[in-house]
PDB file of N, CA and C in Angstrom:
ATOM      1  N   UNK A   1       0.844  -1.159   0.000  1.00  0.00           N
ATOM      2  CA  UNK A   1       0.000   0.000   0.000  1.00  0.00           C
ATOM      3  C   UNK A   1       0.895   1.230   0.000  1.00  0.00           C
ATOM      4  N   UNK A   2       0.400   2.274  -0.641  1.00  0.00           N
ATOM      5  CA  UNK A   2       1.142   3.530  -0.728  1.00  0.00           C
ATOM      6  C   UNK A   2       0.211   4.677  -0.340  1.00  0.00           C
ATOM      7  N   UNK A   3       0.713   5.543   0.520  1.00  0.00           N
ATOM      8  CA  UNK A   3       0.029   6.790   0.835  1.00  0.00           C
ATOM      9  C   UNK A   3       0.742   7.892   0.065  1.00  0.00           C
ATOM     10  N   UNK A   4       0.037   8.520  -0.854  1.00  0.00           N
ATOM     11  CA  UNK A   4       0.565   9.658  -1.594  1.00  0.00           C
ATOM     12  C   UNK A   4       0.150  10.908  -0.853  1.00  0.00           C
ATOM     13  N   UNK A   5       1.127  11.690  -0.463  1.00  0.00           N
ATOM     14  CA  UNK A   5       0.855  12.832   0.388  1.00  0.00           C
ATOM     15  C   UNK A   5       1.776  13.980   0.033  1.00  0.00           C
ATOM     16  N   UNK A   6       1.728  15.020   0.839  1.00  0.00           N
ATOM     17  CA  UNK A   6       2.656  16.151   0.693  1.00  0.00           C
ATOM     18  C   UNK A   6       2.845  16.794   2.059  1.00  0.00           C
ATOM     19  N   UNK A   7       3.886  17.569   2.148  1.00  0.00           N
ATOM     20  CA  UNK A   7       4.188  18.255   3.406  1.00  0.00           C
ATOM     21  C   UNK A   7       3.103  19.286   3.723  1.00  0.00           C
ATOM     22  N   UNK A   8       2.895  19.515   4.996  1.00  0.00           N
ATOM     23  CA  UNK A   8       1.951  20.534   5.469  1.00  0.00           C
ATOM     24  C   UNK A   8       0.542  20.330   4.925  1.00  0.00           C
ATOM     25  N   UNK A   9       0.089  19.095   4.961  1.00  0.00           N
ATOM     26  CA  UNK A   9      -1.247  18.741   4.456  1.00  0.00           C
ATOM     27  C   UNK A   9      -2.018  18.105   5.604  1.00  0.00           C
ATOM     28  N   UNK A  10      -3.003  18.818   6.136  1.00  0.00           N
ATOM     29  CA  UNK A  10      -3.737  18.294   7.289  1.00  0.00           C
ATOM     30  C   UNK A  10      -4.548  17.048   6.924  1.00  0.00           C
ATOM     31  N   UNK A  11      -5.087  16.983   5.718  1.00  0.00           N
ATOM     32  CA  UNK A  11      -5.803  15.770   5.305  1.00  0.00           C
ATOM     33  C   UNK A  11      -4.845  14.588   5.203  1.00  0.00           C
ATOM     34  N   UNK A  12      -3.605  14.843   4.804  1.00  0.00           N
ATOM     35  CA  UNK A  12      -2.600  13.782   4.730  1.00  0.00           C
ATOM     36  C   UNK A  12      -2.291  13.254   6.122  1.00  0.00           C
ATOM     37  N   UNK A  13      -2.209  14.140   7.092  1.00  0.00           N
ATOM     38  CA  UNK A  13      -1.983  13.734   8.481  1.00  0.00           C
ATOM     39  C   UNK A  13      -3.144  12.876   8.978  1.00  0.00           C
ATOM     40  N   UNK A  14      -4.360  13.254   8.632  1.00  0.00           N
ATOM     41  CA  UNK A  14      -5.542  12.478   9.021  1.00  0.00           C
ATOM     42  C   UNK A  14      -5.523  11.107   8.348  1.00  0.00           C
ATOM     43  N   UNK A  15      -5.117  11.058   7.078  1.00  0.00           N
ATOM     44  CA  UNK A  15      -5.038   9.783   6.363  1.00  0.00           C
ATOM     45  C   UNK A  15      -4.021   8.861   7.021  1.00  0.00           C
ATOM     46  N   UNK A  16      -2.890   9.403   7.403  1.00  0.00           N
ATOM     47  CA  UNK A  16      -1.868   8.602   8.075  1.00  0.00           C
ATOM     48  C   UNK A  16      -2.399   8.052   9.395  1.00  0.00           C
ATOM     49  N   UNK A  17      -3.110   8.860  10.148  1.00  0.00           N
ATOM     50  CA  UNK A  17      -3.696   8.397  11.409  1.00  0.00           C
ATOM     51  C   UNK A  17      -4.713   7.275  11.159  1.00  0.00           C
ATOM     52  N   UNK A  18      -5.506   7.397  10.107  1.00  0.00           N
ATOM     53  CA  UNK A  18      -6.487   6.358   9.766  1.00  0.00           C
ATOM     54  C   UNK A  18      -5.790   5.061   9.367  1.00  0.00           C
ATOM     55  N   UNK A  19      -4.687   5.184   8.624  1.00  0.00           N
ATOM     56  CA  UNK A  19      -3.920   4.003   8.240  1.00  0.00           C
ATOM     57  C   UNK A  19      -3.354   3.320   9.472  1.00  0.00           C
ATOM     58  N   UNK A  20      -2.803   4.093  10.377  1.00  0.00           N
ATOM     59  CA  UNK A  20      -2.259   3.517  11.610  1.00  0.00           C
ATOM     60  C   UNK A  20      -3.359   2.847  12.435  1.00  0.00           C
ATOM     61  N   UNK A  21      -4.542   3.429  12.443  1.00  0.00           N
ATOM     62  CA  UNK A  21      -5.667   2.817  13.156  1.00  0.00           C
ATOM     63  C   UNK A  21      -6.008   1.469  12.528  1.00  0.00           C
ATOM     64  N   UNK A  22      -6.050   1.410  11.199  1.00  0.00           N
ATOM     65  CA  UNK A  22      -6.346   0.153  10.510  1.00  0.00           C
ATOM     66  C   UNK A  22      -5.272  -0.895  10.788  1.00  0.00           C
ATOM     67  N   UNK A  23      -4.016  -0.462  10.907  1.00  0.00           N
ATOM     68  CA  UNK A  23      -2.919  -1.396  11.185  1.00  0.00           C
ATOM     69  C   UNK A  23      -3.061  -2.046  12.557  1.00  0.00           C
ATOM     70  N   UNK A  24      -3.816  -1.446  13.449  1.00  0.00           N
ATOM     71  CA  UNK A  24      -4.021  -2.071  14.757  1.00  0.00           C
ATOM     72  C   UNK A  24      -4.910  -3.304  14.637  1.00  0.00           C
ATOM     73  N   UNK A  25      -5.641  -3.424  13.544  1.00  0.00           N
ATOM     74  CA  UNK A  25      -6.519  -4.573  13.315  1.00  0.00           C
ATOM     75  C   UNK A  25      -5.952  -5.557  12.301  1.00  0.00           C
ATOM     76  N   UNK A  26      -5.269  -5.043  11.297  1.00  0.00           N
ATOM     77  CA  UNK A  26      -4.740  -5.873  10.216  1.00  0.00           C
ATOM     78  C   UNK A  26      -3.291  -5.466   9.979  1.00  0.00           C
ATOM     79  N   UNK A  27      -2.355  -6.398  10.126  1.00  0.00           N
ATOM     80  CA  UNK A  27      -0.962  -6.026   9.872  1.00  0.00           C
ATOM     81  C   UNK A  27      -0.709  -5.861   8.376  1.00  0.00           C
ATOM     82  N   UNK A  28      -0.065  -4.774   8.001  1.00  0.00           N
ATOM     83  CA  UNK A  28       0.296  -4.560   6.603  1.00  0.00           C
ATOM     84  C   UNK A  28       1.431  -3.555   6.540  1.00  0.00           C
ATOM     85  N   UNK A  29       2.099  -3.555   5.425  1.00  0.00           N
ATOM     86  CA  UNK A  29       3.160  -2.591   5.202  1.00  0.00           C
ATOM     87  C   UNK A  29       2.622  -1.480   4.312  1.00  0.00           C
ATOM     88  N   UNK A  30       3.226  -0.336   4.427  1.00  0.00           N
ATOM     89  CA  UNK A  30       2.888   0.749   3.525  1.00  0.00           C
ATOM     90  C   UNK A  30       4.072   1.683   3.427  1.00  0.00           C
ATOM     91  N   UNK A  31       4.057   2.479   2.402  1.00  0.00           N
ATOM     92  CA  UNK A  31       5.083   3.502   2.253  1.00  0.00           C
ATOM     93  C   UNK A  31       4.399   4.827   1.988  1.00  0.00           C
ATOM     94  N   UNK A  32       5.092   5.881   2.314  1.00  0.00           N
ATOM     95  CA  UNK A  32       4.587   7.236   2.086  1.00  0.00           C
ATOM     96  C   UNK A  32       5.442   7.856   0.997  1.00  0.00           C
ATOM     97  N   UNK A  33       4.790   8.383  -0.021  1.00  0.00           N
ATOM     98  CA  UNK A  33       5.491   9.081  -1.090  1.00  0.00           C
ATOM     99  C   UNK A  33       4.968  10.507  -1.177  1.00  0.00           C
ATOM    100  N   UNK A  34       5.887  11.444  -1.251  1.00  0.00           N
ATOM    101  CA  UNK A  34       5.544  12.853  -1.398  1.00  0.00           C
ATOM    102  C   UNK A  34       5.347  13.138  -2.884  1.00  0.00           C
ATOM    103  N   UNK A  35       4.135  13.502  -3.269  1.00  0.00           N
ATOM    104  CA  UNK A  35       3.857  13.736  -4.687  1.00  0.00           C
ATOM    105  C   UNK A  35       4.668  14.896  -5.246  1.00  0.00           C
ATOM    106  N   UNK A  36       5.062  15.823  -4.390  1.00  0.00           N
ATOM    107  CA  UNK A  36       5.806  16.981  -4.864  1.00  0.00           C
ATOM    108  C   UNK A  36       7.267  16.652  -5.181  1.00  0.00           C
ATOM    109  N   UNK A  37       7.725  15.473  -4.791  1.00  0.00           N
ATOM    110  CA  UNK A  37       9.088  15.055  -5.094  1.00  0.00           C
ATOM    111  C   UNK A  37       9.186  14.250  -6.376  1.00  0.00           C
ATOM    112  N   UNK A  38       8.053  13.945  -6.991  1.00  0.00           N
ATOM    113  CA  UNK A  38       8.034  13.134  -8.210  1.00  0.00           C
ATOM    114  C   UNK A  38       7.086  13.785  -9.212  1.00  0.00           C
ATOM    115  N   UNK A  39       7.618  14.367 -10.285  1.00  0.00           N
ATOM    116  CA  UNK A  39       6.766  15.060 -11.260  1.00  0.00           C
ATOM    117  C   UNK A  39       5.653  14.183 -11.845  1.00  0.00           C
ATOM    118  N   UNK A  40       5.930  12.906 -12.047  1.00  0.00           N
ATOM    119  CA  UNK A  40       4.901  12.021 -12.595  1.00  0.00           C
ATOM    120  C   UNK A  40       3.748  11.844 -11.606  1.00  0.00           C
ATOM    121  N   UNK A  41       4.084  11.646 -10.325  1.00  0.00           N
ATOM    122  CA  UNK A  41       3.033  11.523  -9.310  1.00  0.00           C
ATOM    123  C   UNK A  41       2.273  12.832  -9.153  1.00  0.00           C
ATOM    124  N   UNK A  42       2.992  13.938  -9.191  1.00  0.00           N
ATOM    125  CA  UNK A  42       2.342  15.253  -9.075  1.00  0.00           C
ATOM    126  C   UNK A  42       1.356  15.465 -10.213  1.00  0.00           C
ATOM    127  N   UNK A  43       1.723  15.047 -11.414  1.00  0.00           N
ATOM    128  CA  UNK A  43       0.827  15.208 -12.565  1.00  0.00           C
ATOM    129  C   UNK A  43      -0.420  14.344 -12.420  1.00  0.00           C
ATOM    130  N   UNK A  44      -0.253  13.137 -11.904  1.00  0.00           N
ATOM    131  CA  UNK A  44      -1.386  12.221 -11.772  1.00  0.00           C
ATOM    132  C   UNK A  44      -2.271  12.504 -10.562  1.00  0.00           C
ATOM    133  N   UNK A  45      -1.643  12.826  -9.425  1.00  0.00           N
ATOM    134  CA  UNK A  45      -2.383  12.878  -8.171  1.00  0.00           C
ATOM    135  C   UNK A  45      -2.251  14.179  -7.394  1.00  0.00           C
ATOM    136  N   UNK A  46      -1.552  15.150  -7.926  1.00  0.00           N
ATOM    137  CA  UNK A  46      -1.235  16.365  -7.186  1.00  0.00           C
ATOM    138  C   UNK A  46      -2.428  17.110  -6.618  1.00  0.00           C
ATOM    139  N   UNK A  47      -3.556  17.063  -7.309  1.00  0.00           N
ATOM    140  CA  UNK A  47      -4.752  17.768  -6.836  1.00  0.00           C
ATOM    141  C   UNK A  47      -5.647  16.899  -5.956  1.00  0.00           C
ATOM    142  N   UNK A  48      -5.286  15.639  -5.782  1.00  0.00           N
ATOM    143  CA  UNK A  48      -6.158  14.701  -5.077  1.00  0.00           C
ATOM    144  C   UNK A  48      -5.628  14.247  -3.723  1.00  0.00           C
ATOM    145  N   UNK A  49      -4.449  14.670  -3.318  1.00  0.00           N
ATOM    146  CA  UNK A  49      -3.857  14.125  -2.092  1.00  0.00           C
ATOM    147  C   UNK A  49      -4.687  14.451  -0.863  1.00  0.00           C
ATOM    148  N   UNK A  50      -4.686  13.553   0.086  1.00  0.00           N
ATOM    149  CA  UNK A  50      -3.994  12.282   0.090  1.00  0.00           C
ATOM    150  C   UNK A  50      -4.715  11.242  -0.771  1.00  0.00           C
ATOM    151  N   UNK A  51      -3.921  10.356  -1.330  1.00  0.00           N
ATOM    152  CA  UNK A  51      -4.427   9.228  -2.106  1.00  0.00           C
ATOM    153  C   UNK A  51      -3.807   7.975  -1.518  1.00  0.00           C
ATOM    154  N   UNK A  52      -4.621   6.938  -1.371  1.00  0.00           N
ATOM    155  CA  UNK A  52      -4.116   5.646  -0.923  1.00  0.00           C
ATOM    156  C   UNK A  52      -4.265   4.669  -2.077  1.00  0.00           C
ATOM    157  N   UNK A  53      -3.145   4.055  -2.444  1.00  0.00           N
ATOM    158  CA  UNK A  53      -3.132   3.025  -3.478  1.00  0.00           C
ATOM    159  C   UNK A  53      -2.991   1.668  -2.797  1.00  0.00           C
ATOM    160  N   UNK A  54      -3.882   0.768  -3.126  1.00  0.00           N
ATOM    161  CA  UNK A  54      -3.815  -0.606  -2.629  1.00  0.00           C
ATOM    162  C   UNK A  54      -3.634  -1.489  -3.853  1.00  0.00           C
ATOM    163  N   UNK A  55      -2.551  -2.233  -3.859  1.00  0.00           N
ATOM    164  CA  UNK A  55      -2.201  -3.059  -5.012  1.00  0.00           C
ATOM    165  C   UNK A  55      -2.150  -2.228  -6.292  1.00  0.00           C
ATOM    166  N   UNK A  56      -1.666  -0.998  -6.173  1.00  0.00           N
ATOM    167  CA  UNK A  56      -1.505  -0.125  -7.327  1.00  0.00           C
ATOM    168  C   UNK A  56      -2.770   0.562  -7.806  1.00  0.00           C
ATOM    169  N   UNK A  57      -3.878   0.328  -7.136  1.00  0.00           N
ATOM    170  CA  UNK A  57      -5.152   0.933  -7.531  1.00  0.00           C
ATOM    171  C   UNK A  57      -5.598   1.939  -6.485  1.00  0.00           C
ATOM    172  N   UNK A  58      -6.191   3.018  -6.958  1.00  0.00           N
ATOM    173  CA  UNK A  58      -6.664   4.054  -6.043  1.00  0.00           C
ATOM    174  C   UNK A  58      -7.822   3.516  -5.208  1.00  0.00           C
ATOM    175  N   UNK A  59      -7.624   3.476  -3.900  1.00  0.00           N
ATOM    176  CA  UNK A  59      -8.652   2.991  -2.982  1.00  0.00           C
ATOM    177  C   UNK A  59      -9.336   4.143  -2.247  1.00  0.00           C
ATOM    178  N   UNK A  60      -8.572   5.230  -1.994  1.00  0.00           N
ATOM    179  CA  UNK A  60      -9.116   6.392  -1.284  1.00  0.00           C
ATOM    180  C   UNK A  60      -8.472   7.651  -1.840  1.00  0.00           C
ATOM    181  N   UNK A  61      -9.213   8.719  -1.797  1.00  0.00           N
ATOM    182  CA  UNK A  61      -8.623  10.041  -2.003  1.00  0.00           C
ATOM    183  C   UNK A  61      -9.303  10.999  -1.044  1.00  0.00           C
ATOM    184  N   UNK A  62      -8.557  11.985  -0.611  1.00  0.00           N
ATOM    185  CA  UNK A  62      -8.987  12.997   0.361  1.00  0.00           C
ATOM    186  C   UNK A  62      -9.165  12.450   1.770  1.00  0.00           C
ATOM    187  N   UNK A  63     -10.005  11.463   1.955  1.00  0.00           N
ATOM    188  CA  UNK A  63     -10.271  10.930   3.288  1.00  0.00           C
ATOM    189  C   UNK A  63     -10.160   9.410   3.269  1.00  0.00           C
ATOM    190  N   UNK A  64      -9.582   8.868   4.343  1.00  0.00           N
ATOM    191  CA  UNK A  64      -9.437   7.417   4.486  1.00  0.00           C
ATOM    192  C   UNK A  64     -10.330   6.969   5.619  1.00  0.00           C
ATOM    193  N   UNK A  65     -11.181   6.006   5.349  1.00  0.00           N
ATOM    194  CA  UNK A  65     -12.064   5.446   6.362  1.00  0.00           C
ATOM    195  C   UNK A  65     -11.419   4.168   6.891  1.00  0.00           C
ATOM    196  N   UNK A  66     -10.974   4.161   8.148  1.00  0.00           N
ATOM    197  CA  UNK A  66     -10.256   2.993   8.680  1.00  0.00           C
ATOM    198  C   UNK A  66     -11.022   1.680   8.541  1.00  0.00           C
ATOM    199  N   UNK A  67     -12.309   1.670   8.827  1.00  0.00           N
ATOM    200  CA  UNK A  67     -13.090   0.421   8.748  1.00  0.00           C
ATOM    201  C   UNK A  67     -13.136  -0.086   7.310  1.00  0.00           C
ATOM    202  N   UNK A  68     -13.335   0.818   6.366  1.00  0.00           N
ATOM    203  CA  UNK A  68     -13.365   0.414   4.961  1.00  0.00           C
ATOM    204  C   UNK A  68     -11.987  -0.065   4.501  1.00  0.00           C
ATOM    205  N   UNK A  69     -10.935   0.569   4.990  1.00  0.00           N
ATOM    206  CA  UNK A  69      -9.585   0.134   4.661  1.00  0.00           C
ATOM    207  C   UNK A  69      -9.350  -1.282   5.186  1.00  0.00           C
ATOM    208  N   UNK A  70      -9.761  -1.556   6.399  1.00  0.00           N
ATOM    209  CA  UNK A  70      -9.613  -2.901   6.963  1.00  0.00           C
ATOM    210  C   UNK A  70     -10.359  -3.910   6.101  1.00  0.00           C
ATOM    211  N   UNK A  71     -11.584  -3.605   5.709  1.00  0.00           N
ATOM    212  CA  UNK A  71     -12.349  -4.522   4.852  1.00  0.00           C
ATOM    213  C   UNK A  71     -11.647  -4.741   3.522  1.00  0.00           C
ATOM    214  N   UNK A  72     -11.123  -3.672   2.954  1.00  0.00           N
ATOM    215  CA  UNK A  72     -10.409  -3.778   1.680  1.00  0.00           C
ATOM    216  C   UNK A  72      -9.201  -4.696   1.830  1.00  0.00           C
ATOM    217  N   UNK A  73      -8.439  -4.497   2.890  1.00  0.00           N
ATOM    218  CA  UNK A  73      -7.238  -5.298   3.086  1.00  0.00           C
ATOM    219  C   UNK A  73      -7.558  -6.743   3.429  1.00  0.00           C
ATOM    220  N   UNK A  74      -8.588  -6.969   4.174  1.00  0.00           N
ATOM    221  CA  UNK A  74      -8.969  -8.353   4.494  1.00  0.00           C
ATOM    222  C   UNK A  74      -9.432  -9.097   3.255  1.00  0.00           C
ATOM    223  N   UNK A  75      -9.887  -8.380   2.258  1.00  0.00           N
ATOM    224  CA  UNK A  75     -10.304  -8.996   1.006  1.00  0.00           C
ATOM    225  C   UNK A  75      -9.135  -9.407   0.122  1.00  0.00           C
ATOM    226  N   UNK A  76      -7.942  -8.954   0.456  1.00  0.00           N
ATOM    227  CA  UNK A  76      -6.747  -9.326  -0.299  1.00  0.00           C
ATOM    228  C   UNK A  76      -6.247 -10.687   0.160  1.00  0.00           C
ATOM    229  N   UNK A  77      -5.492 -11.350  -0.681  1.00  0.00           N
ATOM    230  CA  UNK A  77      -4.934 -12.647  -0.326  1.00  0.00           C
ATOM    231  C   UNK A  77      -3.704 -12.530   0.556  1.00  0.00           C
ATOM    232  N   UNK A  78      -2.937 -11.455   0.401  1.00  0.00           N
ATOM    233  CA  UNK A  78      -1.649 -11.358   1.065  1.00  0.00           C
ATOM    234  C   UNK A  78      -1.512 -10.007   1.729  1.00  0.00           C
ATOM    235  N   UNK A  79      -0.975  -9.999   2.913  1.00  0.00           N
ATOM    236  CA  UNK A  79      -0.620  -8.758   3.601  1.00  0.00           C
ATOM    237  C   UNK A  79       0.891  -8.771   3.759  1.00  0.00           C
ATOM    238  N   UNK A  80       1.522  -7.658   3.473  1.00  0.00           N
ATOM    239  CA  UNK A  80       2.946  -7.551   3.787  1.00  0.00           C
ATOM    240  C   UNK A  80       3.082  -7.437   5.293  1.00  0.00           C
ATOM    241  N   UNK A  81       3.846  -8.279   5.899  1.00  0.00           N
ATOM    242  CA  UNK A  81       3.931  -8.326   7.358  1.00  0.00           C
ATOM    243  C   UNK A  81       5.258  -7.781   7.883  1.00  0.00           C
ATOM    244  N   UNK A  82       5.975  -7.032   7.091  1.00  0.00           N
ATOM    245  CA  UNK A  82       7.304  -6.585   7.488  1.00  0.00           C
ATOM    246  C   UNK A  82       7.313  -5.312   8.299  1.00  0.00           C
ATOM    247  N   UNK A  83       6.256  -4.609   8.422  1.00  0.00           N
ATOM    248  CA  UNK A  83       6.261  -3.317   9.114  1.00  0.00           C
ATOM    249  C   UNK A  83       6.418  -2.201   8.097  1.00  0.00           C
ATOM    250  N   UNK A  84       6.147  -0.989   8.513  1.00  0.00           N
ATOM    251  CA  UNK A  84       6.119   0.126   7.571  1.00  0.00           C
ATOM    252  C   UNK A  84       7.504   0.551   7.158  1.00  0.00           C
TER     253      UNK A  84
END
């Protein structure tokens, strides 16, 4: 899973908190990418952050619902168990 975010973004901070809440129920790995550090990501998602990609597909934008994220992840066959 990938959280696409940017610095000084209160919605991004909320998304990260929601992801951490979901991790308390389902173990998974994720990475955070700053869209402003990658021109390709900025072109694709710059106006939509935060964006959460699950298996490379957009699962959330703007707001992350922890319960829905847990359901989405439980529907997957594999969880990365290595930690963030």
